[in-house]
Amino acid sequence: MTGHVVNDTWIIEHFRVTPSIGTFKIYFDNLLDQSKEFNDLVVNFVNQYWPALYRVILPILADIYDPWLVEFPNKLFSKVPFSEIFP
């Protein structure tokens, strides 16, 4: 969390998290309206290369969910003075 303190209230500007995923596997019977072979190719590709795909997509997702994650701590910290949380 990053932010600044104004009038003893911590205002969160960013809430960055990096979820750690141990394993990831998808299953789809009809992912695309193409042939079964093409569907299997896409599913196998994603299952094999998901770590690289995850690293590419994570910054994009972080920008999307950052505003949602900032909302909750700002509601909390607006009610509790900064000096009480961090004396």
PDB file of N, CA and C in Angstrom:
ATOM      1  N   MET A   1       0.847  -1.171   0.000  1.00  0.00           N
ATOM      2  CA  MET A   1       0.000   0.000   0.000  1.00  0.00           C
ATOM      3  C   MET A   1       0.892   1.232   0.000  1.00  0.00           C
ATOM      4  N   THR A   2       0.530   2.159  -0.824  1.00  0.00           N
ATOM      5  CA  THR A   2       1.231   3.439  -0.832  1.00  0.00           C
ATOM      6  C   THR A   2       0.200   4.551  -0.746  1.00  0.00           C
ATOM      7  N   GLY A   3       0.611   5.622  -0.137  1.00  0.00           N
ATOM      8  CA  GLY A   3      -0.274   6.763   0.010  1.00  0.00           C
ATOM      9  C   GLY A   3       0.383   7.822   0.863  1.00  0.00           C
ATOM     10  N   HIS A   4      -0.410   8.740   1.344  1.00  0.00           N
ATOM     11  CA  HIS A   4       0.115   9.812   2.166  1.00  0.00           C
ATOM     12  C   HIS A   4      -0.852  10.085   3.320  1.00  0.00           C
ATOM     13  N   VAL A   5      -0.358  10.820   4.312  1.00  0.00           N
ATOM     14  CA  VAL A   5      -1.159  11.143   5.495  1.00  0.00           C
ATOM     15  C   VAL A   5      -1.537  12.614   5.436  1.00  0.00           C
ATOM     16  N   VAL A   6      -2.844  12.870   5.570  1.00  0.00           N
ATOM     17  CA  VAL A   6      -3.365  14.232   5.593  1.00  0.00           C
ATOM     18  C   VAL A   6      -4.294  14.343   6.790  1.00  0.00           C
ATOM     19  N   ASN A   7      -4.017  15.293   7.678  1.00  0.00           N
ATOM     20  CA  ASN A   7      -4.841  15.506   8.875  1.00  0.00           C
ATOM     21  C   ASN A   7      -5.038  14.213   9.661  1.00  0.00           C
ATOM     22  N   ASP A   8      -3.946  13.469   9.868  1.00  0.00           N
ATOM     23  CA  ASP A   8      -3.944  12.227  10.645  1.00  0.00           C
ATOM     24  C   ASP A   8      -4.812  11.133  10.017  1.00  0.00           C
ATOM     25  N   THR A   9      -5.028  11.223   8.709  1.00  0.00           N
ATOM     26  CA  THR A   9      -5.772  10.199   7.972  1.00  0.00           C
ATOM     27  C   THR A   9      -4.885   9.680   6.850  1.00  0.00           C
ATOM     28  N   TRP A  10      -4.700   8.364   6.837  1.00  0.00           N
ATOM     29  CA  TRP A  10      -3.883   7.754   5.786  1.00  0.00           C
ATOM     30  C   TRP A  10      -4.743   7.584   4.542  1.00  0.00           C
ATOM     31  N   ILE A  11      -4.338   8.195   3.454  1.00  0.00           N
ATOM     32  CA  ILE A  11      -5.060   8.101   2.189  1.00  0.00           C
ATOM     33  C   ILE A  11      -4.262   7.175   1.273  1.00  0.00           C
ATOM     34  N   ILE A  12      -4.838   6.017   1.008  1.00  0.00           N
ATOM     35  CA  ILE A  12      -4.181   5.016   0.174  1.00  0.00           C
ATOM     36  C   ILE A  12      -4.371   5.400  -1.289  1.00  0.00           C
ATOM     37  N   GLU A  13      -3.268   5.439  -2.025  1.00  0.00           N
ATOM     38  CA  GLU A  13      -3.329   5.751  -3.451  1.00  0.00           C
ATOM     39  C   GLU A  13      -3.218   4.498  -4.309  1.00  0.00           C
ATOM     40  N   HIS A  14      -2.421   3.540  -3.849  1.00  0.00           N
ATOM     41  CA  HIS A  14      -2.252   2.292  -4.597  1.00  0.00           C
ATOM     42  C   HIS A  14      -2.176   1.120  -3.631  1.00  0.00           C
ATOM     43  N   PHE A  15      -2.746   0.012  -4.044  1.00  0.00           N
ATOM     44  CA  PHE A  15      -2.706  -1.226  -3.263  1.00  0.00           C
ATOM     45  C   PHE A  15      -2.274  -2.319  -4.231  1.00  0.00           C
ATOM     46  N   ARG A  16      -0.989  -2.594  -4.246  1.00  0.00           N
ATOM     47  CA  ARG A  16      -0.432  -3.564  -5.197  1.00  0.00           C
ATOM     48  C   ARG A  16      -0.245  -4.916  -4.523  1.00  0.00           C
ATOM     49  N   VAL A  17      -0.756  -5.931  -5.150  1.00  0.00           N
ATOM     50  CA  VAL A  17      -0.552  -7.303  -4.687  1.00  0.00           C
ATOM     51  C   VAL A  17      -0.070  -8.133  -5.868  1.00  0.00           C
ATOM     52  N   THR A  18       0.701  -9.154  -5.558  1.00  0.00           N
ATOM     53  CA  THR A  18       1.184 -10.079  -6.580  1.00  0.00           C
ATOM     54  C   THR A  18       0.803 -11.482  -6.145  1.00  0.00           C
ATOM     55  N   PRO A  19      -0.353 -11.958  -6.579  1.00  0.00           N
ATOM     56  CA  PRO A  19      -0.766 -13.305  -6.188  1.00  0.00           C
ATOM     57  C   PRO A  19       0.225 -14.347  -6.695  1.00  0.00           C
ATOM     58  N   SER A  20       0.522 -15.297  -5.839  1.00  0.00           N
ATOM     59  CA  SER A  20       1.423 -16.388  -6.208  1.00  0.00           C
ATOM     60  C   SER A  20       0.580 -17.625  -6.502  1.00  0.00           C
ATOM     61  N   ILE A  21       0.750 -18.172  -7.681  1.00  0.00           N
ATOM     62  CA  ILE A  21      -0.028 -19.337  -8.093  1.00  0.00           C
ATOM     63  C   ILE A  21       0.922 -20.515  -8.209  1.00  0.00           C
ATOM     64  N   GLY A  22       0.623 -21.585  -7.484  1.00  0.00           N
ATOM     65  CA  GLY A  22       1.472 -22.774  -7.519  1.00  0.00           C
ATOM     66  C   GLY A  22       1.269 -23.583  -8.782  1.00  0.00           C
ATOM     67  N   THR A  23       0.045 -23.942  -9.044  1.00  0.00           N
ATOM     68  CA  THR A  23      -0.278 -24.692 -10.259  1.00  0.00           C
ATOM     69  C   THR A  23      -1.548 -24.113 -10.863  1.00  0.00           C
ATOM     70  N   PHE A  24      -1.687 -24.319 -12.148  1.00  0.00           N
ATOM     71  CA  PHE A  24      -2.842 -23.783 -12.857  1.00  0.00           C
ATOM     72  C   PHE A  24      -3.106 -24.697 -14.042  1.00  0.00           C
ATOM     73  N   LYS A  25      -4.333 -25.144 -14.165  1.00  0.00           N
ATOM     74  CA  LYS A  25      -4.685 -26.010 -15.286  1.00  0.00           C
ATOM     75  C   LYS A  25      -6.133 -25.736 -15.657  1.00  0.00           C
ATOM     76  N   ILE A  26      -6.382 -25.577 -16.957  1.00  0.00           N
ATOM     77  CA  ILE A  26      -7.745 -25.354 -17.416  1.00  0.00           C
ATOM     78  C   ILE A  26      -8.238 -26.582 -18.166  1.00  0.00           C
ATOM     79  N   TYR A  27      -9.544 -26.736 -18.153  1.00  0.00           N
ATOM     80  CA  TYR A  27     -10.214 -27.801 -18.898  1.00  0.00           C
ATOM     81  C   TYR A  27     -11.387 -27.177 -19.637  1.00  0.00           C
ATOM     82  N   PHE A  28     -11.464 -27.376 -20.923  1.00  0.00           N
ATOM     83  CA  PHE A  28     -12.586 -26.907 -21.717  1.00  0.00           C
ATOM     84  C   PHE A  28     -12.906 -27.950 -22.769  1.00  0.00           C
ATOM     85  N   ASP A  29     -14.183 -28.203 -22.928  1.00  0.00           N
ATOM     86  CA  ASP A  29     -14.602 -29.106 -23.997  1.00  0.00           C
ATOM     87  C   ASP A  29     -14.874 -28.342 -25.284  1.00  0.00           C
ATOM     88  N   ASN A  30     -15.420 -27.133 -25.135  1.00  0.00           N
ATOM     89  CA  ASN A  30     -15.788 -26.357 -26.306  1.00  0.00           C
ATOM     90  C   ASN A  30     -15.412 -24.898 -26.070  1.00  0.00           C
ATOM     91  N   LEU A  31     -14.127 -24.646 -25.917  1.00  0.00           N
ATOM     92  CA  LEU A  31     -13.639 -23.295 -25.658  1.00  0.00           C
ATOM     93  C   LEU A  31     -13.930 -22.372 -26.837  1.00  0.00           C
ATOM     94  N   LEU A  32     -13.651 -22.848 -28.009  1.00  0.00           N
ATOM     95  CA  LEU A  32     -13.878 -22.067 -29.223  1.00  0.00           C
ATOM     96  C   LEU A  32     -14.783 -22.865 -30.147  1.00  0.00           C
ATOM     97  N   ASP A  33     -15.538 -22.168 -30.941  1.00  0.00           N
ATOM     98  CA  ASP A  33     -16.421 -22.861 -31.882  1.00  0.00           C
ATOM     99  C   ASP A  33     -15.640 -23.322 -33.111  1.00  0.00           C
ATOM    100  N   GLN A  34     -14.594 -24.039 -32.862  1.00  0.00           N
ATOM    101  CA  GLN A  34     -13.758 -24.591 -33.924  1.00  0.00           C
ATOM    102  C   GLN A  34     -13.733 -26.106 -33.736  1.00  0.00           C
ATOM    103  N   SER A  35     -12.791 -26.730 -34.335  1.00  0.00           N
ATOM    104  CA  SER A  35     -12.678 -28.182 -34.213  1.00  0.00           C
ATOM    105  C   SER A  35     -12.127 -28.560 -32.843  1.00  0.00           C
ATOM    106  N   LYS A  36     -12.341 -29.800 -32.459  1.00  0.00           N
ATOM    107  CA  LYS A  36     -11.835 -30.310 -31.186  1.00  0.00           C
ATOM    108  C   LYS A  36     -10.314 -30.229 -31.147  1.00  0.00           C
ATOM    109  N   GLU A  37      -9.664 -30.475 -32.266  1.00  0.00           N
ATOM    110  CA  GLU A  37      -8.204 -30.428 -32.312  1.00  0.00           C
ATOM    111  C   GLU A  37      -7.689 -29.022 -32.000  1.00  0.00           C
ATOM    112  N   PHE A  38      -8.355 -28.018 -32.562  1.00  0.00           N
ATOM    113  CA  PHE A  38      -7.948 -26.640 -32.305  1.00  0.00           C
ATOM    114  C   PHE A  38      -8.190 -26.275 -30.844  1.00  0.00           C
ATOM    115  N   ASN A  39      -9.322 -26.693 -30.306  1.00  0.00           N
ATOM    116  CA  ASN A  39      -9.639 -26.472 -28.899  1.00  0.00           C
ATOM    117  C   ASN A  39      -8.562 -27.100 -28.018  1.00  0.00           C
ATOM    118  N   ASP A  40      -8.206 -28.344 -28.304  1.00  0.00           N
ATOM    119  CA  ASP A  40      -7.180 -29.039 -27.515  1.00  0.00           C
ATOM    120  C   ASP A  40      -5.829 -28.331 -27.621  1.00  0.00           C
ATOM    121  N   LEU A  41      -5.516 -27.815 -28.803  1.00  0.00           N
ATOM    122  CA  LEU A  41      -4.263 -27.094 -29.004  1.00  0.00           C
ATOM    123  C   LEU A  41      -4.206 -25.854 -28.113  1.00  0.00           C
ATOM    124  N   VAL A  42      -5.283 -25.076 -28.087  1.00  0.00           N
ATOM    125  CA  VAL A  42      -5.331 -23.860 -27.269  1.00  0.00           C
ATOM    126  C   VAL A  42      -5.235 -24.210 -25.787  1.00  0.00           C
ATOM    127  N   VAL A  43      -5.996 -25.197 -25.341  1.00  0.00           N
ATOM    128  CA  VAL A  43      -5.979 -25.600 -23.932  1.00  0.00           C
ATOM    129  C   VAL A  43      -4.594 -26.098 -23.537  1.00  0.00           C
ATOM    130  N   ASN A  44      -3.981 -26.921 -24.366  1.00  0.00           N
ATOM    131  CA  ASN A  44      -2.639 -27.426 -24.064  1.00  0.00           C
ATOM    132  C   ASN A  44      -1.610 -26.300 -24.030  1.00  0.00           C
ATOM    133  N   PHE A  45      -1.736 -25.345 -24.951  1.00  0.00           N
ATOM    134  CA  PHE A  45      -0.818 -24.203 -24.968  1.00  0.00           C
ATOM    135  C   PHE A  45      -0.927 -23.404 -23.670  1.00  0.00           C
ATOM    136  N   VAL A  46      -2.154 -23.086 -23.263  1.00  0.00           N
ATOM    137  CA  VAL A  46      -2.357 -22.312 -22.032  1.00  0.00           C
ATOM    138  C   VAL A  46      -1.853 -23.096 -20.827  1.00  0.00           C
ATOM    139  N   ASN A  47      -2.154 -24.385 -20.763  1.00  0.00           N
ATOM    140  CA  ASN A  47      -1.705 -25.188 -19.627  1.00  0.00           C
ATOM    141  C   ASN A  47      -0.182 -25.293 -19.563  1.00  0.00           C
ATOM    142  N   GLN A  48       0.474 -25.325 -20.703  1.00  0.00           N
ATOM    143  CA  GLN A  48       1.926 -25.461 -20.713  1.00  0.00           C
ATOM    144  C   GLN A  48       2.628 -24.129 -20.439  1.00  0.00           C
ATOM    145  N   TYR A  49       2.096 -23.051 -20.998  1.00  0.00           N
ATOM    146  CA  TYR A  49       2.785 -21.762 -20.923  1.00  0.00           C
ATOM    147  C   TYR A  49       2.097 -20.752 -20.007  1.00  0.00           C
ATOM    148  N   TRP A  50       1.264 -21.229 -19.074  1.00  0.00           N
ATOM    149  CA  TRP A  50       0.553 -20.296 -18.216  1.00  0.00           C
ATOM    150  C   TRP A  50       1.476 -19.416 -17.386  1.00  0.00           C
ATOM    151  N   PRO A  51       2.662 -19.871 -16.900  1.00  0.00           N
ATOM    152  CA  PRO A  51       3.497 -18.938 -16.119  1.00  0.00           C
ATOM    153  C   PRO A  51       3.910 -17.699 -16.924  1.00  0.00           C
ATOM    154  N   ALA A  52       4.284 -17.887 -18.177  1.00  0.00           N
ATOM    155  CA  ALA A  52       4.668 -16.739 -19.008  1.00  0.00           C
ATOM    156  C   ALA A  52       3.456 -15.853 -19.290  1.00  0.00           C
ATOM    157  N   LEU A  53       2.323 -16.467 -19.576  1.00  0.00           N
ATOM    158  CA  LEU A  53       1.097 -15.699 -19.815  1.00  0.00           C
ATOM    159  C   LEU A  53       0.702 -14.914 -18.565  1.00  0.00           C
ATOM    160  N   TYR A  54       0.844 -15.546 -17.402  1.00  0.00           N
ATOM    161  CA  TYR A  54       0.511 -14.901 -16.129  1.00  0.00           C
ATOM    162  C   TYR A  54       1.395 -13.674 -15.900  1.00  0.00           C
ATOM    163  N   ARG A  55       2.694 -13.799 -16.162  1.00  0.00           N
ATOM    164  CA  ARG A  55       3.614 -12.668 -15.978  1.00  0.00           C
ATOM    165  C   ARG A  55       3.269 -11.506 -16.909  1.00  0.00           C
ATOM    166  N   VAL A  56       2.768 -11.804 -18.087  1.00  0.00           N
ATOM    167  CA  VAL A  56       2.395 -10.747 -19.034  1.00  0.00           C
ATOM    168  C   VAL A  56       1.089 -10.084 -18.609  1.00  0.00           C
ATOM    169  N   ILE A  57       0.146 -10.868 -18.153  1.00  0.00           N
ATOM    170  CA  ILE A  57      -1.189 -10.359 -17.829  1.00  0.00           C
ATOM    171  C   ILE A  57      -1.256  -9.710 -16.444  1.00  0.00           C
ATOM    172  N   LEU A  58      -0.383 -10.106 -15.516  1.00  0.00           N
ATOM    173  CA  LEU A  58      -0.457  -9.599 -14.146  1.00  0.00           C
ATOM    174  C   LEU A  58      -0.407  -8.073 -14.054  1.00  0.00           C
ATOM    175  N   PRO A  59       0.503  -7.374 -14.727  1.00  0.00           N
ATOM    176  CA  PRO A  59       0.487  -5.904 -14.626  1.00  0.00           C
ATOM    177  C   PRO A  59      -0.810  -5.281 -15.144  1.00  0.00           C
ATOM    178  N   ILE A  60      -1.378  -5.872 -16.168  1.00  0.00           N
ATOM    179  CA  ILE A  60      -2.641  -5.365 -16.713  1.00  0.00           C
ATOM    180  C   ILE A  60      -3.756  -5.561 -15.693  1.00  0.00           C
ATOM    181  N   LEU A  61      -3.812  -6.754 -15.100  1.00  0.00           N
ATOM    182  CA  LEU A  61      -4.825  -7.026 -14.079  1.00  0.00           C
ATOM    183  C   LEU A  61      -4.622  -6.148 -12.850  1.00  0.00           C
ATOM    184  N   ALA A  62      -3.373  -5.907 -12.469  1.00  0.00           N
ATOM    185  CA  ALA A  62      -3.092  -5.065 -11.301  1.00  0.00           C
ATOM    186  C   ALA A  62      -3.647  -3.661 -11.505  1.00  0.00           C
ATOM    187  N   ASP A  63      -3.519  -3.127 -12.704  1.00  0.00           N
ATOM    188  CA  ASP A  63      -4.077  -1.802 -12.983  1.00  0.00           C
ATOM    189  C   ASP A  63      -5.597  -1.805 -12.920  1.00  0.00           C
ATOM    190  N   ILE A  64      -6.207  -2.931 -13.252  1.00  0.00           N
ATOM    191  CA  ILE A  64      -7.667  -3.028 -13.231  1.00  0.00           C
ATOM    192  C   ILE A  64      -8.189  -3.160 -11.807  1.00  0.00           C
ATOM    193  N   TYR A  65      -7.579  -4.034 -10.983  1.00  0.00           N
ATOM    194  CA  TYR A  65      -8.129  -4.248  -9.647  1.00  0.00           C
ATOM    195  C   TYR A  65      -7.558  -3.317  -8.589  1.00  0.00           C
ATOM    196  N   ASP A  66      -6.557  -2.504  -8.913  1.00  0.00           N
ATOM    197  CA  ASP A  66      -6.007  -1.553  -7.949  1.00  0.00           C
ATOM    198  C   ASP A  66      -7.076  -0.606  -7.392  1.00  0.00           C
ATOM    199  N   PRO A  67      -7.929   0.012  -8.214  1.00  0.00           N
ATOM    200  CA  PRO A  67      -8.958   0.897  -7.644  1.00  0.00           C
ATOM    201  C   PRO A  67      -9.913   0.176  -6.691  1.00  0.00           C
ATOM    202  N   TRP A  68     -10.233  -1.071  -6.979  1.00  0.00           N
ATOM    203  CA  TRP A  68     -11.125  -1.814  -6.087  1.00  0.00           C
ATOM    204  C   TRP A  68     -10.430  -2.121  -4.767  1.00  0.00           C
ATOM    205  N   LEU A  69      -9.150  -2.468  -4.819  1.00  0.00           N
ATOM    206  CA  LEU A  69      -8.422  -2.788  -3.598  1.00  0.00           C
ATOM    207  C   LEU A  69      -8.137  -1.545  -2.762  1.00  0.00           C
ATOM    208  N   VAL A  70      -8.065  -0.387  -3.369  1.00  0.00           N
ATOM    209  CA  VAL A  70      -7.819   0.861  -2.650  1.00  0.00           C
ATOM    210  C   VAL A  70      -9.057   1.291  -1.871  1.00  0.00           C
ATOM    211  N   GLU A  71     -10.212   0.981  -2.385  1.00  0.00           N
ATOM    212  CA  GLU A  71     -11.466   1.444  -1.789  1.00  0.00           C
ATOM    213  C   GLU A  71     -11.645   0.973  -0.344  1.00  0.00           C
ATOM    214  N   PHE A  72     -11.421  -0.302  -0.065  1.00  0.00           N
ATOM    215  CA  PHE A  72     -11.655  -0.831   1.287  1.00  0.00           C
ATOM    216  C   PHE A  72     -10.729  -0.213   2.335  1.00  0.00           C
ATOM    217  N   PRO A  73      -9.404  -0.207   2.138  1.00  0.00           N
ATOM    218  CA  PRO A  73      -8.568   0.397   3.179  1.00  0.00           C
ATOM    219  C   PRO A  73      -8.836   1.886   3.365  1.00  0.00           C
ATOM    220  N   ASN A  74      -9.208   2.587   2.304  1.00  0.00           N
ATOM    221  CA  ASN A  74      -9.519   4.007   2.475  1.00  0.00           C
ATOM    222  C   ASN A  74     -10.759   4.205   3.335  1.00  0.00           C
ATOM    223  N   LYS A  75     -11.745   3.334   3.195  1.00  0.00           N
ATOM    224  CA  LYS A  75     -12.923   3.414   4.070  1.00  0.00           C
ATOM    225  C   LYS A  75     -12.524   3.157   5.519  1.00  0.00           C
ATOM    226  N   LEU A  76     -11.676   2.167   5.732  1.00  0.00           N
ATOM    227  CA  LEU A  76     -11.221   1.835   7.085  1.00  0.00           C
ATOM    228  C   LEU A  76     -10.382   2.961   7.674  1.00  0.00           C
ATOM    229  N   PHE A  77      -9.376   3.417   6.926  1.00  0.00           N
ATOM    230  CA  PHE A  77      -8.466   4.426   7.449  1.00  0.00           C
ATOM    231  C   PHE A  77      -9.115   5.796   7.566  1.00  0.00           C
ATOM    232  N   SER A  78     -10.235   6.031   6.913  1.00  0.00           N
ATOM    233  CA  SER A  78     -10.932   7.306   7.085  1.00  0.00           C
ATOM    234  C   SER A  78     -11.626   7.371   8.439  1.00  0.00           C
ATOM    235  N   LYS A  79     -11.854   6.223   9.058  1.00  0.00           N
ATOM    236  CA  LYS A  79     -12.542   6.174  10.350  1.00  0.00           C
ATOM    237  C   LYS A  79     -11.582   6.032  11.530  1.00  0.00           C
ATOM    238  N   VAL A  80     -10.352   5.595  11.269  1.00  0.00           N
ATOM    239  CA  VAL A  80      -9.374   5.381  12.336  1.00  0.00           C
ATOM    240  C   VAL A  80      -8.177   6.292  12.078  1.00  0.00           C
ATOM    241  N   PRO A  81      -7.823   7.146  13.046  1.00  0.00           N
ATOM    242  CA  PRO A  81      -6.687   8.046  12.841  1.00  0.00           C
ATOM    243  C   PRO A  81      -5.376   7.275  12.624  1.00  0.00           C
ATOM    244  N   PHE A  82      -4.527   7.829  11.789  1.00  0.00           N
ATOM    245  CA  PHE A  82      -3.231   7.229  11.484  1.00  0.00           C
ATOM    246  C   PHE A  82      -2.405   7.044  12.751  1.00  0.00           C
ATOM    247  N   SER A  83      -2.472   8.014  13.663  1.00  0.00           N
ATOM    248  CA  SER A  83      -1.670   7.954  14.893  1.00  0.00           C
ATOM    249  C   SER A  83      -2.120   6.831  15.824  1.00  0.00           C
ATOM    250  N   GLU A  84      -3.342   6.349  15.679  1.00  0.00           N
ATOM    251  CA  GLU A  84      -3.789   5.207  16.484  1.00  0.00           C
ATOM    252  C   GLU A  84      -3.321   3.888  15.879  1.00  0.00           C
ATOM    253  N   ILE A  85      -3.254   3.823  14.562  1.00  0.00           N
ATOM    254  CA  ILE A  85      -2.813   2.598  13.897  1.00  0.00           C
ATOM    255  C   ILE A  85      -1.306   2.449  14.034  1.00  0.00           C
ATOM    256  N   PHE A  86      -0.591   3.540  13.819  1.00  0.00           N
ATOM    257  CA  PHE A  86       0.872   3.541  13.881  1.00  0.00           C
ATOM    258  C   PHE A  86       1.321   4.590  14.894  1.00  0.00           C
ATOM    259  N   PRO A  87       1.310   4.226  16.186  1.00  0.00           N
ATOM    260  CA  PRO A  87       1.665   5.215  17.227  1.00  0.00           C
ATOM    261  C   PRO A  87       3.129   5.633  17.183  1.00  0.00           C
TER     262      PRO A  87
END
